[in-house]
N, C-alpha and C. Protein backbone atom coordinates (compact mmCIF):
# COMPACT_ATOMS: atom_id res chain seq x y z
N PRO A 1 -0.27 63.80 -2.46
CA PRO A 1 -0.75 65.07 -1.88
C PRO A 1 -0.39 65.14 -0.40
N PRO A 2 -0.12 66.35 0.07
CA PRO A 2 0.22 66.47 1.49
C PRO A 2 -0.97 66.08 2.36
N PRO A 3 -0.68 65.53 3.54
CA PRO A 3 -1.80 65.13 4.42
C PRO A 3 -2.62 66.34 4.85
N ARG A 4 -3.89 66.11 4.98
CA ARG A 4 -4.77 67.20 5.43
C ARG A 4 -4.46 67.55 6.88
N PRO A 5 -4.48 68.83 7.19
CA PRO A 5 -4.28 69.19 8.60
C PRO A 5 -5.45 68.68 9.43
N PRO A 6 -5.20 68.34 10.69
CA PRO A 6 -6.31 67.84 11.52
C PRO A 6 -7.41 68.88 11.67
N GLN A 7 -8.64 68.40 11.61
CA GLN A 7 -9.77 69.31 11.75
C GLN A 7 -9.88 69.79 13.19
N PRO A 8 -10.14 71.08 13.37
CA PRO A 8 -10.31 71.56 14.75
C PRO A 8 -11.52 70.89 15.40
N GLU A 9 -11.38 70.64 16.67
CA GLU A 9 -12.47 69.99 17.41
C GLU A 9 -13.63 70.97 17.59
N LEU A 10 -14.80 70.54 17.22
CA LEU A 10 -15.96 71.42 17.34
C LEU A 10 -16.34 71.61 18.81
N PRO A 11 -16.72 72.83 19.18
CA PRO A 11 -17.17 73.04 20.56
C PRO A 11 -18.48 72.29 20.81
N VAL A 12 -18.62 71.78 22.01
CA VAL A 12 -19.80 71.00 22.38
C VAL A 12 -20.65 71.81 23.35
N PHE A 13 -21.94 71.89 23.07
CA PHE A 13 -22.88 72.62 23.92
C PHE A 13 -23.95 71.66 24.43
N ALA A 14 -24.51 71.99 25.59
CA ALA A 14 -25.54 71.12 26.17
C ALA A 14 -26.66 71.96 26.76
N ALA A 15 -27.86 71.40 26.71
CA ALA A 15 -29.03 72.04 27.32
C ALA A 15 -29.84 70.98 28.04
N LEU A 16 -30.20 71.27 29.28
CA LEU A 16 -31.01 70.35 30.08
C LEU A 16 -32.25 71.08 30.56
N ASP A 17 -33.40 70.44 30.41
CA ASP A 17 -34.68 71.03 30.80
C ASP A 17 -35.39 70.05 31.73
N LEU A 18 -35.49 70.42 33.00
CA LEU A 18 -36.23 69.61 33.96
C LEU A 18 -37.61 70.23 34.13
N GLY A 19 -38.60 69.57 33.57
CA GLY A 19 -39.95 70.10 33.62
C GLY A 19 -40.82 69.38 34.63
N THR A 20 -42.09 69.69 34.60
CA THR A 20 -43.05 69.07 35.52
C THR A 20 -43.27 67.60 35.17
N ASN A 21 -43.15 67.28 33.89
CA ASN A 21 -43.43 65.92 33.43
C ASN A 21 -42.19 65.19 32.94
N ASN A 22 -41.27 65.92 32.31
CA ASN A 22 -40.18 65.29 31.59
C ASN A 22 -38.83 65.87 31.97
N CYS A 23 -37.79 65.05 31.85
CA CYS A 23 -36.41 65.50 31.99
C CYS A 23 -35.73 65.26 30.64
N ARG A 24 -35.21 66.33 30.03
CA ARG A 24 -34.62 66.22 28.69
C ARG A 24 -33.23 66.82 28.66
N LEU A 25 -32.34 66.15 27.94
CA LEU A 25 -30.99 66.65 27.73
C LEU A 25 -30.65 66.55 26.25
N LEU A 26 -30.07 67.61 25.70
CA LEU A 26 -29.53 67.58 24.34
C LEU A 26 -28.07 68.03 24.40
N VAL A 27 -27.22 67.31 23.69
CA VAL A 27 -25.81 67.68 23.54
C VAL A 27 -25.58 67.85 22.05
N ALA A 28 -24.99 68.98 21.65
CA ALA A 28 -24.90 69.27 20.22
C ALA A 28 -23.62 70.03 19.88
N VAL A 29 -23.27 69.98 18.60
CA VAL A 29 -22.15 70.75 18.06
C VAL A 29 -22.69 71.64 16.94
N PRO A 30 -22.00 72.75 16.65
CA PRO A 30 -22.47 73.61 15.57
C PRO A 30 -22.48 72.88 14.23
N GLY A 31 -23.54 73.10 13.46
CA GLY A 31 -23.65 72.50 12.13
C GLY A 31 -23.70 73.57 11.07
N ARG A 32 -24.31 73.27 9.95
CA ARG A 32 -24.39 74.23 8.85
C ARG A 32 -25.53 75.21 9.03
N HIS A 33 -25.36 76.37 8.42
CA HIS A 33 -26.42 77.39 8.36
C HIS A 33 -26.92 77.79 9.75
N GLY A 34 -26.00 77.85 10.71
CA GLY A 34 -26.37 78.31 12.04
C GLY A 34 -27.17 77.32 12.86
N GLN A 35 -27.31 76.09 12.36
CA GLN A 35 -28.05 75.07 13.10
C GLN A 35 -27.09 74.26 13.98
N PHE A 36 -27.66 73.42 14.82
CA PHE A 36 -26.85 72.53 15.65
C PHE A 36 -27.09 71.08 15.23
N ARG A 37 -26.06 70.27 15.40
CA ARG A 37 -26.18 68.84 15.13
C ARG A 37 -26.12 68.10 16.46
N VAL A 38 -27.20 67.40 16.79
CA VAL A 38 -27.28 66.69 18.07
C VAL A 38 -26.39 65.46 18.03
N ILE A 39 -25.53 65.32 19.05
CA ILE A 39 -24.63 64.16 19.13
C ILE A 39 -24.99 63.24 20.30
N ASP A 40 -25.83 63.71 21.19
CA ASP A 40 -26.31 62.85 22.28
C ASP A 40 -27.60 63.44 22.82
N ALA A 41 -28.46 62.58 23.33
CA ALA A 41 -29.75 63.05 23.84
C ALA A 41 -30.26 62.08 24.90
N PHE A 42 -31.10 62.61 25.76
CA PHE A 42 -31.71 61.79 26.81
C PHE A 42 -33.07 62.38 27.12
N SER A 43 -34.07 61.54 27.30
CA SER A 43 -35.41 62.00 27.67
C SER A 43 -36.07 60.93 28.52
N ARG A 44 -36.62 61.36 29.65
CA ARG A 44 -37.33 60.41 30.50
C ARG A 44 -38.51 61.11 31.18
N ILE A 45 -39.67 60.47 31.16
CA ILE A 45 -40.82 60.99 31.89
C ILE A 45 -40.62 60.71 33.37
N VAL A 46 -40.53 61.78 34.16
CA VAL A 46 -40.29 61.62 35.61
C VAL A 46 -41.48 62.06 36.45
N ARG A 47 -42.40 62.81 35.85
CA ARG A 47 -43.59 63.32 36.57
C ARG A 47 -43.19 63.96 37.90
N LEU A 48 -42.24 64.88 37.83
CA LEU A 48 -41.78 65.57 39.03
C LEU A 48 -42.91 66.31 39.73
N GLY A 49 -43.86 66.81 38.95
CA GLY A 49 -44.96 67.59 39.53
C GLY A 49 -46.14 66.76 40.00
N GLU A 50 -45.98 65.44 40.06
CA GLU A 50 -47.08 64.57 40.49
C GLU A 50 -47.53 64.94 41.91
N GLY A 51 -48.81 65.26 42.07
CA GLY A 51 -49.35 65.61 43.38
C GLY A 51 -49.09 67.04 43.82
N LEU A 52 -48.35 67.80 43.02
CA LEU A 52 -47.99 69.17 43.40
C LEU A 52 -49.20 70.08 43.49
N THR A 53 -50.16 69.89 42.60
CA THR A 53 -51.35 70.75 42.59
C THR A 53 -52.09 70.68 43.92
N ALA A 54 -52.17 69.50 44.50
CA ALA A 54 -52.91 69.32 45.76
C ALA A 54 -52.08 69.71 46.98
N SER A 55 -50.79 69.36 46.97
CA SER A 55 -49.98 69.52 48.19
C SER A 55 -49.13 70.78 48.22
N GLY A 56 -48.82 71.32 47.05
CA GLY A 56 -47.92 72.48 47.00
C GLY A 56 -46.46 72.11 47.16
N ARG A 57 -46.17 70.81 47.23
CA ARG A 57 -44.80 70.35 47.44
C ARG A 57 -44.46 69.23 46.45
N LEU A 58 -43.18 69.06 46.18
CA LEU A 58 -42.71 67.93 45.39
C LEU A 58 -42.71 66.68 46.27
N GLY A 59 -43.26 65.58 45.77
CA GLY A 59 -43.33 64.35 46.55
C GLY A 59 -42.02 63.58 46.52
N GLU A 60 -41.82 62.73 47.53
CA GLU A 60 -40.57 61.98 47.66
C GLU A 60 -40.33 61.08 46.45
N ALA A 61 -41.35 60.31 46.06
CA ALA A 61 -41.17 59.38 44.93
C ALA A 61 -40.86 60.14 43.64
N ALA A 62 -41.53 61.27 43.45
CA ALA A 62 -41.30 62.08 42.25
C ALA A 62 -39.87 62.63 42.24
N MET A 63 -39.41 63.11 43.39
CA MET A 63 -38.04 63.63 43.46
C MET A 63 -37.03 62.52 43.22
N ASP A 64 -37.29 61.33 43.76
CA ASP A 64 -36.38 60.19 43.53
C ASP A 64 -36.27 59.88 42.04
N ARG A 65 -37.41 59.87 41.35
CA ARG A 65 -37.39 59.58 39.90
C ARG A 65 -36.57 60.62 39.15
N ALA A 66 -36.76 61.87 39.51
CA ALA A 66 -36.05 62.95 38.83
C ALA A 66 -34.55 62.88 39.09
N VAL A 67 -34.17 62.60 40.33
CA VAL A 67 -32.75 62.52 40.66
C VAL A 67 -32.08 61.39 39.88
N GLU A 68 -32.74 60.25 39.76
CA GLU A 68 -32.16 59.13 39.01
C GLU A 68 -31.95 59.52 37.54
N ALA A 69 -32.91 60.22 36.96
CA ALA A 69 -32.76 60.67 35.57
C ALA A 69 -31.62 61.68 35.45
N LEU A 70 -31.52 62.58 36.42
CA LEU A 70 -30.48 63.60 36.38
C LEU A 70 -29.09 63.01 36.59
N LYS A 71 -29.00 61.90 37.29
CA LYS A 71 -27.71 61.22 37.43
C LYS A 71 -27.22 60.72 36.07
N VAL A 72 -28.15 60.21 35.27
CA VAL A 72 -27.80 59.78 33.91
C VAL A 72 -27.30 60.97 33.09
N CYS A 73 -28.01 62.09 33.21
CA CYS A 73 -27.61 63.31 32.49
C CYS A 73 -26.23 63.77 32.94
N GLY A 74 -25.99 63.72 34.25
CA GLY A 74 -24.69 64.13 34.77
C GLY A 74 -23.56 63.30 34.20
N GLU A 75 -23.77 62.00 34.10
CA GLU A 75 -22.75 61.11 33.52
C GLU A 75 -22.48 61.48 32.07
N LYS A 76 -23.54 61.72 31.32
CA LYS A 76 -23.37 62.08 29.91
C LYS A 76 -22.58 63.38 29.76
N LEU A 77 -22.85 64.34 30.62
CA LEU A 77 -22.15 65.62 30.54
C LEU A 77 -20.69 65.49 30.95
N ARG A 78 -20.42 64.68 31.96
CA ARG A 78 -19.04 64.51 32.42
C ARG A 78 -18.19 63.72 31.42
N ASN A 79 -18.82 62.95 30.57
CA ASN A 79 -18.09 62.14 29.59
C ASN A 79 -17.71 62.93 28.33
N ARG A 80 -18.08 64.19 28.28
CA ARG A 80 -17.76 65.02 27.11
C ARG A 80 -17.13 66.33 27.55
N LYS A 81 -16.37 66.92 26.64
CA LYS A 81 -15.79 68.23 26.91
C LYS A 81 -16.82 69.29 26.53
N ILE A 82 -17.60 69.69 27.48
CA ILE A 82 -18.68 70.64 27.23
C ILE A 82 -18.14 72.06 27.29
N ARG A 83 -18.29 72.80 26.19
CA ARG A 83 -17.86 74.20 26.18
C ARG A 83 -18.78 75.05 27.06
N LYS A 84 -20.07 74.85 26.87
CA LYS A 84 -21.04 75.63 27.64
C LYS A 84 -22.32 74.84 27.79
N ALA A 85 -22.91 74.91 28.97
CA ALA A 85 -24.17 74.19 29.22
C ALA A 85 -25.13 75.11 29.97
N ARG A 86 -26.40 74.92 29.70
CA ARG A 86 -27.43 75.60 30.50
C ARG A 86 -28.39 74.55 31.01
N LEU A 87 -28.56 74.52 32.31
CA LEU A 87 -29.38 73.51 32.97
C LEU A 87 -30.50 74.23 33.70
N ILE A 88 -31.74 74.01 33.25
CA ILE A 88 -32.85 74.79 33.80
C ILE A 88 -33.93 73.90 34.40
N ALA A 89 -34.65 74.49 35.35
CA ALA A 89 -35.84 73.86 35.93
C ALA A 89 -36.98 74.84 35.76
N THR A 90 -38.19 74.31 35.56
CA THR A 90 -39.32 75.19 35.25
C THR A 90 -40.42 75.11 36.31
N GLU A 91 -41.67 74.99 35.90
CA GLU A 91 -42.81 75.25 36.77
C GLU A 91 -42.84 74.43 38.06
N ALA A 92 -42.52 73.15 38.00
CA ALA A 92 -42.61 72.33 39.21
C ALA A 92 -41.71 72.88 40.31
N CYS A 93 -40.46 73.15 39.97
CA CYS A 93 -39.52 73.70 40.96
C CYS A 93 -39.83 75.15 41.29
N ARG A 94 -40.39 75.87 40.32
CA ARG A 94 -40.72 77.28 40.51
C ARG A 94 -41.83 77.44 41.53
N SER A 95 -42.83 76.56 41.48
CA SER A 95 -44.02 76.75 42.32
C SER A 95 -44.02 75.91 43.59
N ALA A 96 -43.17 74.90 43.67
CA ALA A 96 -43.18 74.02 44.85
C ALA A 96 -42.51 74.70 46.04
N ALA A 97 -43.08 74.49 47.21
CA ALA A 97 -42.51 75.06 48.43
C ALA A 97 -41.11 74.52 48.70
N ASN A 98 -40.84 73.30 48.26
CA ASN A 98 -39.53 72.69 48.48
C ASN A 98 -38.70 72.59 47.20
N GLY A 99 -39.00 73.46 46.23
CA GLY A 99 -38.29 73.42 44.95
C GLY A 99 -36.80 73.69 45.08
N VAL A 100 -36.43 74.73 45.82
CA VAL A 100 -35.01 75.08 46.00
C VAL A 100 -34.30 73.98 46.78
N GLU A 101 -34.96 73.48 47.81
CA GLU A 101 -34.41 72.38 48.61
C GLU A 101 -34.13 71.15 47.73
N PHE A 102 -35.04 70.87 46.82
CA PHE A 102 -34.85 69.74 45.91
C PHE A 102 -33.64 69.95 45.01
N LEU A 103 -33.46 71.16 44.51
CA LEU A 103 -32.31 71.41 43.63
C LEU A 103 -30.99 71.34 44.38
N ASP A 104 -31.01 71.64 45.68
CA ASP A 104 -29.81 71.42 46.50
C ASP A 104 -29.48 69.93 46.54
N ARG A 105 -30.50 69.10 46.67
CA ARG A 105 -30.29 67.65 46.66
C ARG A 105 -29.74 67.19 45.30
N VAL A 106 -30.27 67.75 44.22
CA VAL A 106 -29.79 67.40 42.88
C VAL A 106 -28.30 67.71 42.75
N GLU A 107 -27.89 68.86 43.28
CA GLU A 107 -26.48 69.24 43.19
C GLU A 107 -25.61 68.26 43.98
N ARG A 108 -26.09 67.85 45.15
CA ARG A 108 -25.31 66.91 45.98
C ARG A 108 -25.22 65.52 45.34
N GLU A 109 -26.35 65.02 44.84
CA GLU A 109 -26.41 63.62 44.41
C GLU A 109 -26.10 63.40 42.93
N ALA A 110 -26.42 64.38 42.10
CA ALA A 110 -26.19 64.22 40.65
C ALA A 110 -25.05 65.09 40.14
N GLY A 111 -24.58 66.01 40.99
CA GLY A 111 -23.48 66.87 40.59
C GLY A 111 -23.86 67.93 39.56
N LEU A 112 -25.14 68.28 39.51
CA LEU A 112 -25.62 69.26 38.55
C LEU A 112 -26.25 70.45 39.28
N LYS A 113 -25.89 71.64 38.84
CA LYS A 113 -26.47 72.84 39.43
C LYS A 113 -27.48 73.43 38.45
N LEU A 114 -28.76 73.29 38.78
CA LEU A 114 -29.83 73.78 37.91
C LEU A 114 -30.30 75.14 38.36
N GLU A 115 -30.72 75.96 37.41
CA GLU A 115 -31.32 77.27 37.73
C GLU A 115 -32.82 77.21 37.47
N ILE A 116 -33.58 77.81 38.38
CA ILE A 116 -35.02 77.94 38.16
C ILE A 116 -35.26 79.21 37.36
N ILE A 117 -35.82 79.06 36.16
CA ILE A 117 -36.05 80.24 35.32
C ILE A 117 -37.46 80.78 35.55
N ASP A 118 -37.62 82.09 35.34
CA ASP A 118 -38.94 82.69 35.50
C ASP A 118 -39.78 82.44 34.24
N ARG A 119 -41.04 82.83 34.32
CA ARG A 119 -41.97 82.53 33.22
C ARG A 119 -41.62 83.27 31.93
N GLN A 120 -41.15 84.51 32.06
CA GLN A 120 -40.80 85.27 30.86
C GLN A 120 -39.61 84.62 30.15
N THR A 121 -38.61 84.19 30.91
CA THR A 121 -37.46 83.52 30.31
C THR A 121 -37.90 82.23 29.63
N GLU A 122 -38.82 81.51 30.26
CA GLU A 122 -39.31 80.26 29.66
C GLU A 122 -40.00 80.53 28.32
N ALA A 123 -40.78 81.61 28.27
CA ALA A 123 -41.46 81.96 27.02
C ALA A 123 -40.45 82.34 25.93
N ARG A 124 -39.44 83.12 26.30
CA ARG A 124 -38.42 83.53 25.32
C ARG A 124 -37.62 82.33 24.80
N LEU A 125 -37.29 81.41 25.69
CA LEU A 125 -36.55 80.22 25.26
C LEU A 125 -37.39 79.35 24.33
N ALA A 126 -38.68 79.26 24.63
CA ALA A 126 -39.58 78.49 23.75
C ALA A 126 -39.60 79.09 22.35
N VAL A 127 -39.66 80.41 22.28
CA VAL A 127 -39.66 81.10 20.99
C VAL A 127 -38.32 80.88 20.27
N SER A 128 -37.23 81.03 20.99
CA SER A 128 -35.90 80.86 20.37
C SER A 128 -35.74 79.46 19.79
N GLY A 129 -36.30 78.47 20.46
CA GLY A 129 -36.17 77.10 20.00
C GLY A 129 -36.95 76.81 18.73
N CYS A 130 -37.85 77.71 18.36
CA CYS A 130 -38.68 77.49 17.16
C CYS A 130 -38.22 78.31 15.96
N GLY A 131 -37.11 79.00 16.10
CA GLY A 131 -36.66 79.90 15.03
C GLY A 131 -36.53 79.23 13.68
N SER A 132 -36.00 78.01 13.65
CA SER A 132 -35.77 77.33 12.37
C SER A 132 -37.06 76.82 11.74
N LEU A 133 -38.17 76.84 12.48
CA LEU A 133 -39.44 76.33 11.95
C LEU A 133 -40.25 77.40 11.23
N VAL A 134 -39.85 78.66 11.39
CA VAL A 134 -40.64 79.77 10.83
C VAL A 134 -40.13 80.11 9.44
N GLU A 135 -41.01 80.09 8.45
CA GLU A 135 -40.62 80.40 7.08
C GLU A 135 -40.33 81.89 6.90
N ARG A 136 -39.50 82.19 5.91
CA ARG A 136 -39.01 83.56 5.73
C ARG A 136 -40.12 84.59 5.52
N ASP A 137 -41.18 84.21 4.79
CA ASP A 137 -42.22 85.19 4.46
C ASP A 137 -43.33 85.24 5.50
N THR A 138 -43.13 84.59 6.64
CA THR A 138 -44.15 84.62 7.70
C THR A 138 -44.23 86.01 8.30
N GLN A 139 -45.46 86.49 8.49
CA GLN A 139 -45.64 87.83 9.05
C GLN A 139 -45.94 87.81 10.55
N GLY A 140 -46.51 86.73 11.02
CA GLY A 140 -46.83 86.66 12.44
C GLY A 140 -46.90 85.22 12.91
N VAL A 141 -46.60 85.03 14.17
CA VAL A 141 -46.60 83.69 14.77
C VAL A 141 -47.31 83.74 16.11
N VAL A 142 -48.15 82.74 16.36
CA VAL A 142 -48.70 82.52 17.70
C VAL A 142 -48.12 81.20 18.18
N LEU A 143 -47.31 81.26 19.21
CA LEU A 143 -46.61 80.07 19.70
C LEU A 143 -47.21 79.59 21.01
N PHE A 144 -47.52 78.31 21.06
CA PHE A 144 -47.99 77.67 22.29
C PHE A 144 -46.93 76.68 22.74
N ASP A 145 -46.46 76.83 23.95
CA ASP A 145 -45.53 75.86 24.54
C ASP A 145 -46.27 75.21 25.71
N ILE A 146 -46.84 74.04 25.47
CA ILE A 146 -47.66 73.38 26.48
C ILE A 146 -46.79 72.40 27.25
N GLY A 147 -46.58 72.69 28.51
CA GLY A 147 -45.73 71.85 29.34
C GLY A 147 -46.54 71.00 30.30
N GLY A 148 -45.87 70.47 31.29
CA GLY A 148 -46.54 69.65 32.28
C GLY A 148 -47.24 70.46 33.36
N GLY A 149 -46.63 71.61 33.73
CA GLY A 149 -47.19 72.42 34.81
C GLY A 149 -47.63 73.80 34.39
N SER A 150 -47.13 74.28 33.26
CA SER A 150 -47.53 75.60 32.77
C SER A 150 -47.53 75.59 31.25
N SER A 151 -48.18 76.60 30.68
CA SER A 151 -48.20 76.75 29.22
C SER A 151 -47.89 78.21 28.90
N GLU A 152 -46.92 78.41 28.03
CA GLU A 152 -46.54 79.75 27.62
C GLU A 152 -47.10 80.04 26.23
N ILE A 153 -47.60 81.26 26.06
CA ILE A 153 -48.13 81.70 24.77
C ILE A 153 -47.40 82.99 24.40
N ALA A 154 -46.88 83.04 23.18
CA ALA A 154 -46.17 84.23 22.72
C ALA A 154 -46.69 84.65 21.36
N LEU A 155 -46.90 85.96 21.19
CA LEU A 155 -47.29 86.53 19.91
C LEU A 155 -46.06 87.22 19.32
N ILE A 156 -45.74 86.89 18.07
CA ILE A 156 -44.50 87.34 17.45
C ILE A 156 -44.84 88.06 16.15
N ASP A 157 -44.45 89.33 16.07
CA ASP A 157 -44.73 90.16 14.89
C ASP A 157 -43.48 90.24 14.02
N LEU A 158 -43.57 89.69 12.80
CA LEU A 158 -42.41 89.65 11.90
C LEU A 158 -42.59 90.54 10.67
N THR A 159 -43.54 91.48 10.73
CA THR A 159 -43.81 92.31 9.54
C THR A 159 -42.62 93.21 9.20
N GLY A 160 -41.91 93.71 10.19
CA GLY A 160 -40.72 94.53 9.92
C GLY A 160 -39.53 93.89 10.58
N ARG A 161 -39.22 92.68 10.18
CA ARG A 161 -38.19 91.88 10.88
C ARG A 161 -36.87 92.64 10.94
N ARG A 162 -36.45 92.97 12.15
CA ARG A 162 -35.23 93.75 12.36
C ARG A 162 -34.08 92.88 12.83
N SER A 163 -34.39 91.73 13.37
CA SER A 163 -33.36 90.89 13.99
C SER A 163 -33.58 89.44 13.58
N PRO A 164 -32.49 88.68 13.40
CA PRO A 164 -32.66 87.25 13.10
C PRO A 164 -33.16 86.45 14.30
N ARG A 165 -33.09 87.04 15.48
CA ARG A 165 -33.55 86.35 16.69
C ARG A 165 -35.05 86.50 16.84
N LEU A 166 -35.75 85.38 16.77
CA LEU A 166 -37.21 85.40 16.83
C LEU A 166 -37.71 86.03 18.14
N ALA A 167 -37.01 85.77 19.23
CA ALA A 167 -37.46 86.26 20.54
C ALA A 167 -37.46 87.78 20.62
N ASN A 168 -36.69 88.44 19.75
CA ASN A 168 -36.65 89.91 19.77
C ASN A 168 -37.90 90.52 19.14
N HIS A 169 -38.77 89.69 18.59
CA HIS A 169 -39.98 90.19 17.93
C HIS A 169 -41.26 89.84 18.70
N ILE A 170 -41.10 89.40 19.94
CA ILE A 170 -42.28 89.11 20.77
C ILE A 170 -42.99 90.42 21.10
N VAL A 171 -44.28 90.50 20.79
CA VAL A 171 -45.04 91.71 21.10
C VAL A 171 -45.90 91.53 22.35
N SER A 172 -46.20 90.30 22.70
CA SER A 172 -46.89 90.03 23.97
C SER A 172 -46.75 88.54 24.29
N TRP A 173 -46.85 88.25 25.56
CA TRP A 173 -46.73 86.86 25.99
C TRP A 173 -47.48 86.68 27.31
N THR A 174 -47.79 85.45 27.62
CA THR A 174 -48.37 85.14 28.92
C THR A 174 -47.97 83.72 29.30
N SER A 175 -48.07 83.44 30.57
CA SER A 175 -47.80 82.10 31.08
C SER A 175 -49.01 81.68 31.91
N LEU A 176 -49.64 80.58 31.51
CA LEU A 176 -50.80 80.07 32.24
C LEU A 176 -50.36 78.95 33.17
N PRO A 177 -50.83 78.93 34.40
CA PRO A 177 -50.43 77.88 35.34
C PRO A 177 -51.18 76.57 35.10
N VAL A 178 -51.29 76.18 33.84
CA VAL A 178 -51.95 74.92 33.48
C VAL A 178 -51.08 74.18 32.47
N GLY A 179 -50.92 72.89 32.71
CA GLY A 179 -50.18 72.03 31.81
C GLY A 179 -50.83 70.66 31.81
N VAL A 180 -50.23 69.71 31.12
CA VAL A 180 -50.88 68.40 30.98
C VAL A 180 -51.00 67.67 32.32
N VAL A 181 -50.03 67.89 33.22
CA VAL A 181 -50.09 67.23 34.53
C VAL A 181 -51.02 67.99 35.47
N SER A 182 -50.79 69.30 35.60
CA SER A 182 -51.57 70.08 36.56
C SER A 182 -53.05 70.13 36.19
N LEU A 183 -53.36 70.22 34.90
CA LEU A 183 -54.76 70.26 34.48
C LEU A 183 -55.44 68.93 34.75
N ALA A 184 -54.76 67.84 34.43
CA ALA A 184 -55.35 66.51 34.67
C ALA A 184 -55.59 66.28 36.15
N GLU A 185 -54.65 66.68 36.99
CA GLU A 185 -54.81 66.45 38.43
C GLU A 185 -55.95 67.29 39.01
N ARG A 186 -56.10 68.50 38.51
CA ARG A 186 -57.17 69.36 39.02
C ARG A 186 -58.55 68.85 38.62
N PHE A 187 -58.61 68.11 37.51
CA PHE A 187 -59.91 67.67 37.01
C PHE A 187 -60.08 66.16 37.06
N GLY A 188 -59.45 65.52 38.03
CA GLY A 188 -59.79 64.12 38.31
C GLY A 188 -58.89 63.05 37.75
N GLY A 189 -57.73 63.43 37.21
CA GLY A 189 -56.79 62.40 36.78
C GLY A 189 -57.07 61.84 35.40
N ARG A 190 -56.98 60.51 35.27
CA ARG A 190 -57.02 59.89 33.94
C ARG A 190 -58.43 59.74 33.37
N THR A 191 -59.42 59.68 34.22
CA THR A 191 -60.79 59.49 33.73
C THR A 191 -61.39 60.83 33.34
N VAL A 192 -61.63 61.01 32.05
CA VAL A 192 -62.15 62.28 31.54
C VAL A 192 -63.49 62.03 30.86
N THR A 193 -64.55 62.52 31.49
CA THR A 193 -65.88 62.43 30.89
C THR A 193 -66.11 63.66 30.00
N ARG A 194 -67.22 63.66 29.28
CA ARG A 194 -67.55 64.83 28.45
C ARG A 194 -67.67 66.09 29.30
N ASP A 195 -68.31 65.94 30.47
CA ASP A 195 -68.48 67.10 31.35
C ASP A 195 -67.14 67.59 31.88
N THR A 196 -66.26 66.64 32.23
CA THR A 196 -64.94 67.02 32.72
C THR A 196 -64.15 67.76 31.64
N PHE A 197 -64.21 67.23 30.43
CA PHE A 197 -63.50 67.87 29.32
C PHE A 197 -64.03 69.28 29.08
N ALA A 198 -65.35 69.44 29.12
CA ALA A 198 -65.95 70.76 28.93
C ALA A 198 -65.50 71.73 30.02
N ALA A 199 -65.39 71.22 31.25
CA ALA A 199 -64.93 72.06 32.36
C ALA A 199 -63.47 72.48 32.15
N MET A 200 -62.66 71.57 31.64
CA MET A 200 -61.25 71.90 31.34
C MET A 200 -61.18 73.01 30.29
N VAL A 201 -61.96 72.86 29.23
CA VAL A 201 -61.97 73.85 28.15
C VAL A 201 -62.41 75.21 28.69
N ASP A 202 -63.45 75.23 29.50
CA ASP A 202 -63.94 76.49 30.07
C ASP A 202 -62.87 77.15 30.93
N ASP A 203 -62.17 76.33 31.72
CA ASP A 203 -61.14 76.86 32.61
C ASP A 203 -60.03 77.54 31.81
N VAL A 204 -59.54 76.86 30.78
CA VAL A 204 -58.46 77.42 29.96
C VAL A 204 -58.95 78.64 29.18
N ALA A 205 -60.19 78.57 28.66
CA ALA A 205 -60.74 79.70 27.91
C ALA A 205 -60.84 80.95 28.77
N THR A 206 -61.24 80.78 30.02
CA THR A 206 -61.32 81.92 30.95
C THR A 206 -59.96 82.55 31.15
N ARG A 207 -58.93 81.72 31.29
CA ARG A 207 -57.58 82.23 31.48
C ARG A 207 -57.08 82.95 30.22
N LEU A 208 -57.44 82.42 29.05
CA LEU A 208 -57.01 83.07 27.80
C LEU A 208 -57.69 84.42 27.62
N LYS A 209 -58.94 84.53 28.05
CA LYS A 209 -59.65 85.81 27.93
C LYS A 209 -58.99 86.88 28.79
N ALA A 210 -58.33 86.46 29.86
CA ALA A 210 -57.66 87.41 30.74
C ALA A 210 -56.29 87.84 30.21
N PHE A 211 -55.86 87.29 29.08
CA PHE A 211 -54.58 87.63 28.47
C PHE A 211 -54.72 88.98 27.76
N ASP A 212 -54.20 90.04 28.39
CA ASP A 212 -54.40 91.40 27.89
C ASP A 212 -53.80 91.62 26.50
N GLY A 213 -52.71 90.94 26.20
CA GLY A 213 -52.03 91.21 24.93
C GLY A 213 -52.46 90.33 23.79
N ARG A 214 -53.59 89.67 23.91
CA ARG A 214 -53.97 88.69 22.88
C ARG A 214 -54.33 89.32 21.54
N ASP A 215 -54.59 90.64 21.52
CA ASP A 215 -54.99 91.31 20.27
C ASP A 215 -53.85 92.08 19.61
N ARG A 216 -52.63 91.90 20.08
CA ARG A 216 -51.52 92.73 19.58
C ARG A 216 -50.95 92.25 18.25
N LEU A 217 -51.41 91.13 17.78
CA LEU A 217 -50.94 90.63 16.49
C LEU A 217 -52.08 90.79 15.49
N ALA A 218 -52.23 91.98 14.95
CA ALA A 218 -53.38 92.29 14.09
C ALA A 218 -52.99 92.16 12.63
N HIS A 219 -53.13 90.96 12.07
CA HIS A 219 -52.82 90.73 10.65
C HIS A 219 -54.08 90.18 9.98
């Protein structure tokens, strides 16, 4: 039989998410049924937002940890032919007084140019990332994306699904300035008593009550 023609090289895509607690990188190629197949990954807890709640700034040690992790990511990206990459930073860089200054340092030292995304974009990306988890006959979804510095909540109405893109069906969303790092720091760190836990619950419940669109998913 004649030799098979060489298979075309699959395009390689990458996504990097620098959060308040974690630095994550995924490198993937297109797979079957519109999914992606991950060919490389990296994840490291950097606690970039450590101390941010009290000071309003990113600390030196936290920035050093993040830069070292991002250098690893930069090497991984440079070792592959990346067709397209999106490199984002979220709440820690968004809210810190020196967030933009820090990303300038990242570009100089790690060779990566990150964009700070707004809260609405973060909510939409969280929804898009969950598309494959939603079953076909689902009528509505309440999505919680709990991060280190913020938590996004999106209500998704699928009763008259018009688009395969889950994010196009968001009927309301909110972003709360509370995450696993920021909430813990505001309420005393690692030691959590019953009273402290109750205070945390009350704080988050108050913020949820202020979410005007919480009743828009009436099923």
